[in-house]
Amino acid sequence: LCFYRGCQVDSVNHPTAMYQMNTGN
């Protein structure tokens, strides 16, 4: 395994964060 601890996203809400992780938007 390769563990990466530096990733960040923009949203604290589940649907919008899911969309961003899956689609970038």
PDB file of all heavy atoms in Angstrom:
ATOM      1  N   LEU A   1       0.826  -1.213   0.000  1.00  0.00           N
ATOM      2  CA  LEU A   1       0.000   0.000   0.000  1.00  0.00           C
ATOM      3  C   LEU A   1       0.855   1.255   0.000  1.00  0.00           C
ATOM      4  O   LEU A   1       1.973   1.276   0.500  1.00  0.00           O
ATOM      5  CB  LEU A   1      -0.921   0.010   1.229  1.00  0.00           C
ATOM      6  CG  LEU A   1      -1.768  -1.243   1.486  1.00  0.00           C
ATOM      7  CD1 LEU A   1      -2.642  -1.038   2.713  1.00  0.00           C
ATOM      8  CD2 LEU A   1      -2.605  -1.587   0.268  1.00  0.00           C
ATOM      9  N   CYS A   2       0.276   2.324  -0.546  1.00  0.00           N
ATOM     10  CA  CYS A   2       0.890   3.657  -0.525  1.00  0.00           C
ATOM     11  C   CYS A   2      -0.120   4.606   0.106  1.00  0.00           C
ATOM     12  O   CYS A   2      -1.186   4.863  -0.465  1.00  0.00           O
ATOM     13  CB  CYS A   2       1.244   4.108  -1.943  1.00  0.00           C
ATOM     14  SG  CYS A   2       1.898   5.797  -2.050  1.00  0.00           S
ATOM     15  N   PHE A   3       0.193   5.120   1.291  1.00  0.00           N
ATOM     16  CA  PHE A   3      -0.712   6.005   2.017  1.00  0.00           C
ATOM     17  C   PHE A   3      -0.401   7.459   1.687  1.00  0.00           C
ATOM     18  O   PHE A   3       0.760   7.875   1.703  1.00  0.00           O
ATOM     19  CB  PHE A   3      -0.577   5.782   3.525  1.00  0.00           C
ATOM     20  CG  PHE A   3      -1.046   4.436   3.985  1.00  0.00           C
ATOM     21  CD1 PHE A   3      -0.166   3.359   4.040  1.00  0.00           C
ATOM     22  CD2 PHE A   3      -2.363   4.227   4.338  1.00  0.00           C
ATOM     23  CE1 PHE A   3      -0.598   2.106   4.454  1.00  0.00           C
ATOM     24  CE2 PHE A   3      -2.809   2.975   4.758  1.00  0.00           C
ATOM     25  CZ  PHE A   3      -1.922   1.913   4.808  1.00  0.00           C
ATOM     26  N   TYR A   4      -1.459   8.214   1.381  1.00  0.00           N
ATOM     27  CA  TYR A   4      -1.292   9.633   1.067  1.00  0.00           C
ATOM     28  C   TYR A   4      -2.148  10.467   2.023  1.00  0.00           C
ATOM     29  O   TYR A   4      -3.366  10.297   2.081  1.00  0.00           O
ATOM     30  CB  TYR A   4      -1.699   9.920  -0.380  1.00  0.00           C
ATOM     31  CG  TYR A   4      -1.639  11.391  -0.726  1.00  0.00           C
ATOM     32  CD1 TYR A   4      -0.490  12.135  -0.460  1.00  0.00           C
ATOM     33  CD2 TYR A   4      -2.727  12.037  -1.289  1.00  0.00           C
ATOM     34  CE1 TYR A   4      -0.431  13.489  -0.754  1.00  0.00           C
ATOM     35  CE2 TYR A   4      -2.671  13.391  -1.596  1.00  0.00           C
ATOM     36  CZ  TYR A   4      -1.528  14.105  -1.318  1.00  0.00           C
ATOM     37  OH  TYR A   4      -1.466  15.442  -1.585  1.00  0.00           O
ATOM     38  N   ARG A   5      -1.505  11.370   2.760  1.00  0.00           N
ATOM     39  CA  ARG A   5      -2.173  12.151   3.798  1.00  0.00           C
ATOM     40  C   ARG A   5      -2.324  13.624   3.450  1.00  0.00           C
ATOM     41  O   ARG A   5      -2.687  14.420   4.313  1.00  0.00           O
ATOM     42  CB  ARG A   5      -1.392  12.024   5.108  1.00  0.00           C
ATOM     43  CG  ARG A   5      -1.339  10.610   5.673  1.00  0.00           C
ATOM     44  CD  ARG A   5      -0.382  10.556   6.854  1.00  0.00           C
ATOM     45  NE  ARG A   5      -0.419   9.252   7.544  1.00  0.00           N
ATOM     46  CZ  ARG A   5       0.438   8.907   8.504  1.00  0.00           C
ATOM     47  NH1 ARG A   5       1.399   9.752   8.868  1.00  0.00           N
ATOM     48  NH2 ARG A   5       0.336   7.726   9.086  1.00  0.00           N
ATOM     49  N   GLY A   6      -2.076  13.988   2.206  1.00  0.00           N
ATOM     50  CA  GLY A   6      -2.066  15.412   1.871  1.00  0.00           C
ATOM     51  C   GLY A   6      -3.246  15.903   1.072  1.00  0.00           C
ATOM     52  O   GLY A   6      -3.265  17.060   0.641  1.00  0.00           O
ATOM     53  N   CYS A   7      -4.264  15.070   0.840  1.00  0.00           N
ATOM     54  CA  CYS A   7      -5.372  15.462  -0.034  1.00  0.00           C
ATOM     55  C   CYS A   7      -6.372  16.360   0.692  1.00  0.00           C
ATOM     56  O   CYS A   7      -6.677  16.152   1.868  1.00  0.00           O
ATOM     57  CB  CYS A   7      -6.083  14.227  -0.563  1.00  0.00           C
ATOM     58  SG  CYS A   7      -7.368  14.573  -1.791  1.00  0.00           S
ATOM     59  N   GLN A   8      -6.891  17.357  -0.027  1.00  0.00           N
ATOM     60  CA  GLN A   8      -7.914  18.251   0.497  1.00  0.00           C
ATOM     61  C   GLN A   8      -9.029  18.436  -0.522  1.00  0.00           C
ATOM     62  O   GLN A   8      -8.792  18.373  -1.732  1.00  0.00           O
ATOM     63  CB  GLN A   8      -7.322  19.624   0.853  1.00  0.00           C
ATOM     64  CG  GLN A   8      -6.303  19.583   1.980  1.00  0.00           C
ATOM     65  CD  GLN A   8      -5.808  20.961   2.374  1.00  0.00           C
ATOM     66  OE1 GLN A   8      -5.780  21.887   1.565  1.00  0.00           O
ATOM     67  NE2 GLN A   8      -5.434  21.120   3.636  1.00  0.00           N
ATOM     68  N   VAL A   9     -10.246  18.642  -0.016  1.00  0.00           N
ATOM     69  CA  VAL A   9     -11.405  18.929  -0.862  1.00  0.00           C
ATOM     70  C   VAL A   9     -12.015  20.246  -0.404  1.00  0.00           C
ATOM     71  O   VAL A   9     -11.496  20.899   0.510  1.00  0.00           O
ATOM     72  CB  VAL A   9     -12.443  17.790  -0.808  1.00  0.00           C
ATOM     73  CG1 VAL A   9     -11.846  16.499  -1.358  1.00  0.00           C
ATOM     74  CG2 VAL A   9     -12.945  17.563   0.613  1.00  0.00           C
ATOM     75  N   ASP A  10     -13.118  20.653  -1.024  1.00  0.00           N
ATOM     76  CA  ASP A  10     -13.683  21.963  -0.744  1.00  0.00           C
ATOM     77  C   ASP A  10     -14.947  21.950   0.105  1.00  0.00           C
ATOM     78  O   ASP A  10     -15.303  22.968   0.692  1.00  0.00           O
ATOM     79  CB  ASP A  10     -14.012  22.688  -2.060  1.00  0.00           C
ATOM     80  CG  ASP A  10     -12.780  22.975  -2.892  1.00  0.00           C
ATOM     81  OD1 ASP A  10     -11.758  23.367  -2.307  1.00  0.00           O
ATOM     82  OD2 ASP A  10     -12.837  22.797  -4.122  1.00  0.00           O
ATOM     83  N   SER A  11     -15.653  20.824   0.149  1.00  0.00           N
ATOM     84  CA  SER A  11     -16.980  20.836   0.742  1.00  0.00           C
ATOM     85  C   SER A  11     -17.052  20.009   2.018  1.00  0.00           C
ATOM     86  O   SER A  11     -16.399  18.974   2.142  1.00  0.00           O
ATOM     87  CB  SER A  11     -18.013  20.300  -0.257  1.00  0.00           C
ATOM     88  OG  SER A  11     -19.306  20.303   0.312  1.00  0.00           O
ATOM     89  N   VAL A  12     -17.896  20.461   2.969  1.00  0.00           N
ATOM     90  CA  VAL A  12     -18.148  19.692   4.187  1.00  0.00           C
ATOM     91  C   VAL A  12     -19.478  18.954   4.114  1.00  0.00           C
ATOM     92  O   VAL A  12     -19.876  18.290   5.065  1.00  0.00           O
ATOM     93  CB  VAL A  12     -18.143  20.598   5.446  1.00  0.00           C
ATOM     94  CG1 VAL A  12     -16.774  21.176   5.683  1.00  0.00           C
ATOM     95  CG2 VAL A  12     -19.200  21.689   5.339  1.00  0.00           C
ATOM     96  N   ASN A  13     -20.173  19.073   2.995  1.00  0.00           N
ATOM     97  CA  ASN A  13     -21.466  18.411   2.827  1.00  0.00           C
ATOM     98  C   ASN A  13     -21.297  17.136   2.005  1.00  0.00           C
ATOM     99  O   ASN A  13     -20.596  17.120   0.998  1.00  0.00           O
ATOM    100  CB  ASN A  13     -22.460  19.345   2.135  1.00  0.00           C
ATOM    101  CG  ASN A  13     -22.744  20.578   2.976  1.00  0.00           C
ATOM    102  OD1 ASN A  13     -22.974  20.474   4.173  1.00  0.00           O
ATOM    103  ND2 ASN A  13     -22.706  21.741   2.348  1.00  0.00           N
ATOM    104  N   HIS A  14     -21.984  16.076   2.417  1.00  0.00           N
ATOM    105  CA  HIS A  14     -21.793  14.772   1.776  1.00  0.00           C
ATOM    106  C   HIS A  14     -22.064  14.775   0.271  1.00  0.00           C
ATOM    107  O   HIS A  14     -21.205  14.343  -0.513  1.00  0.00           O
ATOM    108  CB  HIS A  14     -22.663  13.709   2.452  1.00  0.00           C
ATOM    109  CG  HIS A  14     -22.221  13.355   3.827  1.00  0.00           C
ATOM    110  ND1 HIS A  14     -21.051  12.681   4.090  1.00  0.00           N
ATOM    111  CD2 HIS A  14     -22.790  13.607   5.035  1.00  0.00           C
ATOM    112  CE1 HIS A  14     -20.921  12.510   5.400  1.00  0.00           C
ATOM    113  NE2 HIS A  14     -21.965  13.062   5.998  1.00  0.00           N
ATOM    114  N   PRO A  15     -23.238  15.226  -0.197  1.00  0.00           N
ATOM    115  CA  PRO A  15     -23.493  15.121  -1.645  1.00  0.00           C
ATOM    116  C   PRO A  15     -22.497  15.897  -2.488  1.00  0.00           C
ATOM    117  O   PRO A  15     -21.986  15.376  -3.493  1.00  0.00           O
ATOM    118  CB  PRO A  15     -24.917  15.676  -1.791  1.00  0.00           C
ATOM    119  CG  PRO A  15     -25.532  15.534  -0.440  1.00  0.00           C
ATOM    120  CD  PRO A  15     -24.416  15.744   0.523  1.00  0.00           C
ATOM    121  N   THR A  16     -22.202  17.140  -2.090  1.00  0.00           N
ATOM    122  CA  THR A  16     -21.278  17.944  -2.891  1.00  0.00           C
ATOM    123  C   THR A  16     -19.853  17.406  -2.816  1.00  0.00           C
ATOM    124  O   THR A  16     -19.113  17.443  -3.803  1.00  0.00           O
ATOM    125  CB  THR A  16     -21.318  19.412  -2.440  1.00  0.00           C
ATOM    126  OG1 THR A  16     -21.141  19.486  -1.009  1.00  0.00           O
ATOM    127  CG2 THR A  16     -22.643  20.064  -2.800  1.00  0.00           C
ATOM    128  N   ALA A  17     -19.456  16.894  -1.650  1.00  0.00           N
ATOM    129  CA  ALA A  17     -18.121  16.305  -1.531  1.00  0.00           C
ATOM    130  C   ALA A  17     -18.021  15.009  -2.328  1.00  0.00           C
ATOM    131  O   ALA A  17     -16.989  14.713  -2.937  1.00  0.00           O
ATOM    132  CB  ALA A  17     -17.784  16.051  -0.065  1.00  0.00           C
ATOM    133  N   MET A  18     -19.097  14.218  -2.345  1.00  0.00           N
ATOM    134  CA  MET A  18     -19.111  13.004  -3.154  1.00  0.00           C
ATOM    135  C   MET A  18     -18.983  13.343  -4.629  1.00  0.00           C
ATOM    136  O   MET A  18     -18.213  12.704  -5.370  1.00  0.00           O
ATOM    137  CB  MET A  18     -20.405  12.231  -2.905  1.00  0.00           C
ATOM    138  CG  MET A  18     -20.452  11.487  -1.588  1.00  0.00           C
ATOM    139  SD  MET A  18     -19.347  10.062  -1.538  1.00  0.00           S
ATOM    140  CE  MET A  18     -20.168   8.985  -2.705  1.00  0.00           C
ATOM    141  N   TYR A  19     -19.739  14.340  -5.069  1.00  0.00           N
ATOM    142  CA  TYR A  19     -19.648  14.748  -6.474  1.00  0.00           C
ATOM    143  C   TYR A  19     -18.225  15.189  -6.810  1.00  0.00           C
ATOM    144  O   TYR A  19     -17.690  14.851  -7.868  1.00  0.00           O
ATOM    145  CB  TYR A  19     -20.619  15.896  -6.769  1.00  0.00           C
ATOM    146  CG  TYR A  19     -22.074  15.498  -6.851  1.00  0.00           C
ATOM    147  CD1 TYR A  19     -23.084  16.406  -6.512  1.00  0.00           C
ATOM    148  CD2 TYR A  19     -22.459  14.234  -7.284  1.00  0.00           C
ATOM    149  CE1 TYR A  19     -24.425  16.049  -6.599  1.00  0.00           C
ATOM    150  CE2 TYR A  19     -23.792  13.872  -7.368  1.00  0.00           C
ATOM    151  CZ  TYR A  19     -24.773  14.786  -7.023  1.00  0.00           C
ATOM    152  OH  TYR A  19     -26.097  14.438  -7.106  1.00  0.00           O
ATOM    153  N   GLN A  20     -17.616  15.964  -5.904  1.00  0.00           N
ATOM    154  CA  GLN A  20     -16.270  16.457  -6.204  1.00  0.00           C
ATOM    155  C   GLN A  20     -15.254  15.319  -6.252  1.00  0.00           C
ATOM    156  O   GLN A  20     -14.396  15.289  -7.140  1.00  0.00           O
ATOM    157  CB  GLN A  20     -15.834  17.493  -5.169  1.00  0.00           C
ATOM    158  CG  GLN A  20     -14.509  18.153  -5.541  1.00  0.00           C
ATOM    159  CD  GLN A  20     -14.163  19.322  -4.656  1.00  0.00           C
ATOM    160  OE1 GLN A  20     -14.299  19.256  -3.442  1.00  0.00           O
ATOM    161  NE2 GLN A  20     -13.714  20.410  -5.255  1.00  0.00           N
ATOM    162  N   MET A  21     -15.364  14.372  -5.331  1.00  0.00           N
ATOM    163  CA  MET A  21     -14.419  13.256  -5.346  1.00  0.00           C
ATOM    164  C   MET A  21     -14.617  12.390  -6.587  1.00  0.00           C
ATOM    165  O   MET A  21     -13.648  11.866  -7.144  1.00  0.00           O
ATOM    166  CB  MET A  21     -14.591  12.415  -4.074  1.00  0.00           C
ATOM    167  CG  MET A  21     -13.608  11.267  -3.947  1.00  0.00           C
ATOM    168  SD  MET A  21     -11.862  11.768  -4.000  1.00  0.00           S
ATOM    169  CE  MET A  21     -11.700  12.583  -2.396  1.00  0.00           C
ATOM    170  N   ASN A  22     -15.843  12.259  -7.030  1.00  0.00           N
ATOM    171  CA  ASN A  22     -16.130  11.382  -8.168  1.00  0.00           C
ATOM    172  C   ASN A  22     -16.028  12.079  -9.522  1.00  0.00           C
ATOM    173  O   ASN A  22     -15.708  11.432 -10.526  1.00  0.00           O
ATOM    174  CB  ASN A  22     -17.530  10.775  -8.029  1.00  0.00           C
ATOM    175  CG  ASN A  22     -17.563   9.607  -7.070  1.00  0.00           C
ATOM    176  OD1 ASN A  22     -16.697   8.742  -7.112  1.00  0.00           O
ATOM    177  ND2 ASN A  22     -18.552   9.574  -6.187  1.00  0.00           N
ATOM    178  N   THR A  23     -16.347  13.366  -9.588  1.00  0.00           N
ATOM    179  CA  THR A  23     -16.423  14.054 -10.882  1.00  0.00           C
ATOM    180  C   THR A  23     -15.566  15.307 -10.984  1.00  0.00           C
ATOM    181  O   THR A  23     -15.432  15.853 -12.080  1.00  0.00           O
ATOM    182  CB  THR A  23     -17.882  14.465 -11.191  1.00  0.00           C
ATOM    183  OG1 THR A  23     -18.250  15.589 -10.374  1.00  0.00           O
ATOM    184  CG2 THR A  23     -18.854  13.326 -10.927  1.00  0.00           C
ATOM    185  N   GLY A  24     -15.020  15.778  -9.865  1.00  0.00           N
ATOM    186  CA  GLY A  24     -14.261  17.019  -9.881  1.00  0.00           C
ATOM    187  C   GLY A  24     -15.114  18.260  -9.704  1.00  0.00           C
ATOM    188  O   GLY A  24     -14.596  19.350  -9.515  1.00  0.00           O
ATOM    189  N   ASN A  25     -16.429  18.096  -9.760  1.00  0.00           N
ATOM    190  CA  ASN A  25     -17.361  19.226  -9.668  1.00  0.00           C
ATOM    191  C   ASN A  25     -18.272  19.025  -8.465  1.00  0.00           C
ATOM    192  O   ASN A  25     -18.954  18.003  -8.359  1.00  0.00           O
ATOM    193  CB  ASN A  25     -18.186  19.320 -10.954  1.00  0.00           C
ATOM    194  CG  ASN A  25     -19.148  20.490 -10.962  1.00  0.00           C
ATOM    195  OD1 ASN A  25     -19.321  21.189  -9.959  1.00  0.00           O
ATOM    196  ND2 ASN A  25     -19.794  20.716 -12.088  1.00  0.00           N
TER     197      ASN A  25
END
